[in-house]
């Protein structure tokens, strides 16, 4: 997927699974500092990092050059893809972990309960972000575990949650760049499942009616033109917050600043699609 990134004045982390990865899906981040109009800067995301997906990607269950293994966690099965014919017993061996879970918790309550991921939410060395990918709410985090760089991505749909883990995620090693591409191919394969529920429009419309952005604070906007889903990343009361919205909702019911933001974002996305 081609992704246009409009950079915020303040530091932020953006997951383009959001974070998206197909040519037909464009993830755009608009930087806005109220009350100024957005200043747009475009950058390429051809280099795959923990924050960005490749421009074009196809969904593949098992990419070329990987072997499939089955193992078990505490309460769920885990599929492990590895570059080795044997199941790897060290995080230093190239591998992709895939597991699926059922939960009655909302994603924001689910993540803090996820072992090392939940434990690293307050770590200054971990980078994490909420996002949207093909209509699914996502959470991405990178951190160091036992001196090995790890990348976790969670994909939410209804009561089902997919957890994906890439190890090692050493972005300084050019030999591992292909692994990050393959990681996105696997995520895309599961995201495309037609039975995997997308983010509820009831939730986005409710957020549209109730959320107001704090005055004078910088915020970023990530949008998917094909689905209309929008994620707003902002800070309020010294806490980082995310609002999940959709610019195809009834904007007349939104709070004034959210309504204007969604209308402006929709116009920008239509121009992006027209230029394709």
Protein backbone atom coordinates (compact mmCIF):
# COMPACT_ATOMS: atom_id res chain seq x y z
CA UNK A 1 0.00 0.00 0.00
CA UNK A 2 1.18 3.41 -0.69
CA UNK A 3 1.19 5.52 2.39
CA UNK A 4 1.44 9.29 2.49
CA UNK A 5 2.67 10.56 5.82
CA UNK A 6 2.03 14.13 6.92
CA UNK A 7 4.29 14.67 9.92
CA UNK A 8 3.26 16.20 13.26
CA UNK A 9 5.30 18.92 14.90
CA UNK A 10 5.45 16.81 18.06
CA UNK A 11 6.95 13.30 18.30
CA UNK A 12 4.56 10.46 17.67
CA UNK A 13 4.46 6.85 16.71
CA UNK A 14 2.27 5.73 13.85
CA UNK A 15 1.57 2.18 12.96
CA UNK A 16 0.52 1.81 9.40
CA UNK A 17 -0.99 -1.67 9.80
CA UNK A 18 -2.40 0.55 9.62
CA UNK A 19 -1.24 0.06 10.66
CA UNK A 20 -2.07 -0.49 5.56
CA UNK A 21 -0.30 -2.67 3.16
CA UNK A 22 -2.24 -3.22 -0.07
CA UNK A 23 -1.97 -1.15 -3.22
CA UNK A 24 -5.73 -0.60 -3.04
CA UNK A 25 -5.45 0.70 0.52
CA UNK A 26 -3.73 3.96 1.36
CA UNK A 27 -2.83 4.95 4.90
CA UNK A 28 -2.46 8.67 5.29
CA UNK A 29 -1.34 10.60 8.33
CA UNK A 30 -2.27 14.26 8.51
CA UNK A 31 -0.51 16.48 11.02
CA UNK A 32 -2.55 19.26 12.53
CA UNK A 33 -1.73 21.85 15.15
CA UNK A 34 -4.87 23.67 16.16
CA UNK A 35 -5.94 26.26 15.22
CA UNK A 36 -3.67 26.26 12.15
CA UNK A 37 -4.61 24.45 8.98
CA UNK A 38 -2.71 21.20 8.33
CA UNK A 39 0.81 21.49 6.95
CA UNK A 40 1.37 18.48 4.74
CA UNK A 41 4.67 16.75 4.13
CA UNK A 42 4.94 13.55 2.12
CA UNK A 43 7.51 10.86 2.81
CA UNK A 44 8.04 7.38 1.46
CA UNK A 45 7.61 4.26 3.56
CA UNK A 46 9.31 1.83 1.24
CA UNK A 47 11.74 0.98 4.02
CA UNK A 48 9.82 -1.33 6.35
CA UNK A 49 10.05 -0.48 10.03
CA UNK A 50 8.00 -1.24 13.12
CA UNK A 51 6.04 1.92 12.44
CA UNK A 52 5.30 1.48 8.75
CA UNK A 53 4.13 -1.21 6.36
CA UNK A 54 5.46 -1.63 2.82
CA UNK A 55 3.82 0.23 -0.04
CA UNK A 56 2.47 -2.93 -1.67
CA UNK A 57 1.79 -6.23 -0.01
CA UNK A 58 -0.15 -9.42 -0.68
CA UNK A 59 -1.69 -11.69 1.87
CA UNK A 60 0.23 -14.96 2.17
CA UNK A 61 -0.36 -17.61 4.84
CA UNK A 62 3.15 -19.05 4.56
CA UNK A 63 5.62 -16.90 2.57
CA UNK A 64 8.32 -18.55 0.48
CA UNK A 65 11.30 -19.79 2.45
CA UNK A 66 9.42 -20.40 5.72
CA UNK A 67 8.52 -23.67 7.47
CA UNK A 68 5.37 -24.20 9.55
CA UNK A 69 5.38 -25.62 13.09
CA UNK A 70 2.63 -26.08 15.67
CA UNK A 71 3.13 -25.56 19.37
CA UNK A 72 1.04 -24.50 22.35
CA UNK A 73 0.95 -21.59 24.74
CA UNK A 74 -0.71 -21.56 28.15
CA UNK A 75 -4.25 -21.46 26.80
CA UNK A 76 -4.07 -21.41 22.99
CA UNK A 77 -2.32 -22.99 20.04
CA UNK A 78 0.52 -21.14 18.34
CA UNK A 79 1.65 -21.45 14.75
CA UNK A 80 5.34 -20.72 14.32
CA UNK A 81 6.87 -19.94 10.94
CA UNK A 82 10.65 -20.23 10.85
CA UNK A 83 13.52 -20.20 8.41
CA UNK A 84 14.63 -23.52 9.89
CA UNK A 85 13.13 -26.96 9.30
CA UNK A 86 13.00 -27.54 13.06
CA UNK A 87 10.94 -25.61 15.57
CA UNK A 88 13.20 -22.81 16.86
CA UNK A 89 14.02 -22.86 20.56
CA UNK A 90 15.63 -19.42 20.70
CA UNK A 91 14.28 -15.94 19.93
CA UNK A 92 17.49 -15.26 18.02
CA UNK A 93 16.34 -17.68 15.28
CA UNK A 94 14.22 -15.98 12.59
CA UNK A 95 10.55 -16.71 13.33
CA UNK A 96 6.98 -15.41 13.11
CA UNK A 97 4.51 -16.44 15.78
CA UNK A 98 0.75 -16.50 15.09
CA UNK A 99 -1.92 -17.17 17.67
CA UNK A 100 -5.65 -16.52 17.89
CA UNK A 101 -7.60 -15.85 21.06
CA UNK A 102 -11.18 -15.13 22.10
CA UNK A 103 -11.94 -12.34 24.54
CA UNK A 104 -14.90 -10.50 26.02
CA UNK A 105 -12.68 -7.50 26.78
CA UNK A 106 -12.49 -4.38 24.65
CA UNK A 107 -9.06 -4.02 22.99
CA UNK A 108 -7.99 -1.20 25.31
CA UNK A 109 -8.54 -3.48 28.33
CA UNK A 110 -7.17 -6.58 26.61
CA UNK A 111 -3.67 -5.25 25.81
CA UNK A 112 -2.57 -4.40 29.39
CA UNK A 113 -3.20 -8.05 30.35
CA UNK A 114 -0.86 -9.43 27.68
CA UNK A 115 2.29 -10.43 29.56
CA UNK A 116 5.43 -8.73 28.28
CA UNK A 117 3.43 -6.42 26.00
CA UNK A 118 1.25 -5.15 28.82
CA UNK A 119 4.26 -4.91 31.10
CA UNK A 120 6.11 -2.69 28.62
CA UNK A 121 3.35 -0.10 28.16
CA UNK A 122 5.13 2.27 30.54
CA UNK A 123 8.66 1.35 29.51
CA UNK A 124 10.60 4.26 27.97
CA UNK A 125 12.38 1.79 25.67
CA UNK A 126 9.18 0.36 24.13
CA UNK A 127 7.43 1.97 21.18
CA UNK A 128 3.73 1.31 20.77
CA UNK A 129 0.70 2.66 18.98
CA UNK A 130 -2.94 1.94 18.20
CA UNK A 131 -3.96 1.98 14.56
CA UNK A 132 -6.38 0.76 11.92
CA UNK A 133 -5.71 -1.84 9.23
CA UNK A 134 -8.25 -2.94 6.65
CA UNK A 135 -11.03 -1.88 9.01
CA UNK A 136 -9.58 -3.65 12.05
CA UNK A 137 -8.39 -1.99 15.24
CA UNK A 138 -4.71 -2.78 15.75
CA UNK A 139 -2.02 -2.45 18.40
CA UNK A 140 1.70 -2.57 17.63
CA UNK A 141 4.67 -2.61 20.00
CA UNK A 142 8.43 -3.03 19.65
CA UNK A 143 10.70 -3.71 22.61
CA UNK A 144 13.77 -5.67 23.68
CA UNK A 145 13.29 -9.07 25.36
CA UNK A 146 16.41 -10.85 26.55
CA UNK A 147 18.57 -8.61 24.32
CA UNK A 148 16.49 -9.65 21.26
CA UNK A 149 14.37 -6.98 19.47
CA UNK A 150 10.71 -8.03 19.35
CA UNK A 151 7.75 -6.77 17.33
CA UNK A 152 4.20 -7.61 18.39
CA UNK A 153 1.07 -6.77 16.40
CA UNK A 154 -2.50 -7.42 17.57
CA UNK A 155 -5.40 -7.48 15.13
CA UNK A 156 -8.93 -7.17 16.57
CA UNK A 157 -12.27 -8.26 15.12
CA UNK A 158 -15.35 -8.81 17.30
CA UNK A 159 -14.39 -11.22 20.08
CA UNK A 160 -11.44 -12.62 18.09
CA UNK A 161 -7.87 -11.37 18.48
CA UNK A 162 -4.85 -12.36 16.40
CA UNK A 163 -1.39 -11.94 17.91
CA UNK A 164 1.61 -11.78 15.58
CA UNK A 165 5.21 -11.69 16.73
CA UNK A 166 8.37 -11.18 14.67
CA UNK A 167 11.72 -12.16 16.19
CA UNK A 168 14.36 -10.93 15.91
CA UNK A 169 13.23 -7.50 14.71
CA UNK A 170 16.67 -5.98 14.27
CA UNK A 171 16.17 -3.00 11.95
CA UNK A 172 19.91 -2.39 11.77
CA UNK A 173 20.40 -5.73 10.00
CA UNK A 174 19.61 -5.41 6.27
CA UNK A 175 19.47 -9.19 5.95
CA UNK A 176 16.27 -9.18 8.03
CA UNK A 177 14.37 -6.66 5.87
CA UNK A 178 12.68 -9.46 3.93
CA UNK A 179 11.40 -10.92 7.20
CA UNK A 180 9.54 -7.70 7.97
CA UNK A 181 7.95 -7.81 4.52
CA UNK A 182 6.90 -11.43 5.07
CA UNK A 183 5.58 -10.48 8.51
CA UNK A 184 3.19 -8.04 6.85
CA UNK A 185 2.18 -10.63 4.25
CA UNK A 186 1.09 -12.96 7.05
CA UNK A 187 -0.83 -10.23 8.89
CA UNK A 188 -2.55 -9.23 5.66
CA UNK A 189 -3.62 -12.82 4.98
CA UNK A 190 -5.56 -12.99 8.25
CA UNK A 191 -6.87 -9.42 8.01
CA UNK A 192 -8.50 -10.28 4.67
CA UNK A 193 -10.66 -13.06 6.13
CA UNK A 194 -14.25 -12.01 5.20
CA UNK A 195 -15.55 -13.59 8.44
CA UNK A 196 -13.20 -11.49 10.58
CA UNK A 197 -15.33 -8.60 11.85
CA UNK A 198 -14.34 -5.02 11.22
CA UNK A 199 -14.49 -2.21 13.77
CA UNK A 200 -18.13 -1.50 14.66
CA UNK A 201 -19.60 1.61 13.05
CA UNK A 202 -21.72 1.99 16.18
CA UNK A 203 -18.50 2.59 18.09
CA UNK A 204 -17.19 5.13 15.58
CA UNK A 205 -20.49 7.03 15.51
CA UNK A 206 -20.62 7.07 19.31
CA UNK A 207 -17.07 8.39 19.45
CA UNK A 208 -17.98 11.02 16.88
CA UNK A 209 -20.79 12.28 19.14
CA UNK A 210 -18.85 12.27 22.41
CA UNK A 211 -15.16 13.04 21.79
CA UNK A 212 -13.82 16.58 21.74
CA UNK A 213 -10.15 17.34 21.06
CA UNK A 214 -8.32 19.51 23.62
CA UNK A 215 -7.68 23.09 22.49
CA UNK A 216 -4.19 24.01 21.39
CA UNK A 217 -2.87 20.44 21.40
CA UNK A 218 -1.17 18.82 18.43
CA UNK A 219 -2.67 15.59 17.14
CA UNK A 220 -2.20 13.18 14.24
CA UNK A 221 -4.74 11.53 11.98
CA UNK A 222 -4.41 8.17 10.25
CA UNK A 223 -7.04 7.33 7.62
CA UNK A 224 -7.97 4.47 5.27
CA UNK A 225 -9.64 5.79 2.10
CA UNK A 226 -11.14 2.42 1.16
CA UNK A 227 -12.96 2.01 4.48
CA UNK A 228 -13.26 5.58 5.76
CA UNK A 229 -11.84 4.60 9.15
CA UNK A 230 -9.83 7.26 10.96
CA UNK A 231 -7.61 7.11 14.05
CA UNK A 232 -6.82 10.33 15.91
CA UNK A 233 -3.79 10.26 18.23
CA UNK A 234 -3.80 13.08 20.80
CA UNK A 235 -2.75 14.00 24.34
CA UNK A 236 -5.17 15.05 27.06
CA UNK A 237 -4.34 15.59 30.74
CA UNK A 238 -0.80 14.34 30.02
CA UNK A 239 -2.21 11.03 28.78
CA UNK A 240 -1.91 9.67 25.27
CA UNK A 241 -5.32 8.87 23.81
CA UNK A 242 -6.77 7.47 20.58
CA UNK A 243 -10.14 8.09 18.96
CA UNK A 244 -11.46 5.59 16.38
CA UNK A 245 -13.81 7.24 13.90
CA UNK A 246 -15.17 6.92 10.36
CA UNK A 247 -15.67 9.88 8.04
CA UNK A 248 -18.61 8.10 6.36
CA UNK A 249 -20.64 8.35 9.57
CA UNK A 250 -23.29 11.04 10.02
CA UNK A 251 -21.00 14.01 10.61
CA UNK A 252 -23.83 16.34 11.62
CA UNK A 253 -24.04 14.34 14.86
CA UNK A 254 -20.35 14.85 15.71
CA UNK A 255 -18.86 17.33 18.11
CA UNK A 256 -17.86 20.46 16.14
CA UNK A 257 -14.10 19.88 16.05
CA UNK A 258 -14.43 16.16 15.23
CA UNK A 259 -16.97 16.94 12.51
CA UNK A 260 -14.62 19.46 10.90
CA UNK A 261 -11.66 17.09 11.20
CA UNK A 262 -13.54 14.21 9.55
CA UNK A 263 -14.91 16.42 6.78
CA UNK A 264 -11.44 17.76 6.04
CA UNK A 265 -9.95 14.27 6.12
CA UNK A 266 -12.62 12.90 3.79
CA UNK A 267 -11.91 15.66 1.26
CA UNK A 268 -8.20 14.90 1.37
CA UNK A 269 -8.77 11.17 0.92
CA UNK A 270 -11.03 11.77 -2.08
CA UNK A 271 -8.30 13.86 -3.69
CA UNK A 272 -5.75 11.12 -2.99
CA UNK A 273 -7.97 8.49 -4.63
CA UNK A 274 -8.69 10.73 -7.61
CA UNK A 275 -4.99 11.20 -8.22
CA UNK A 276 -4.36 7.44 -8.30
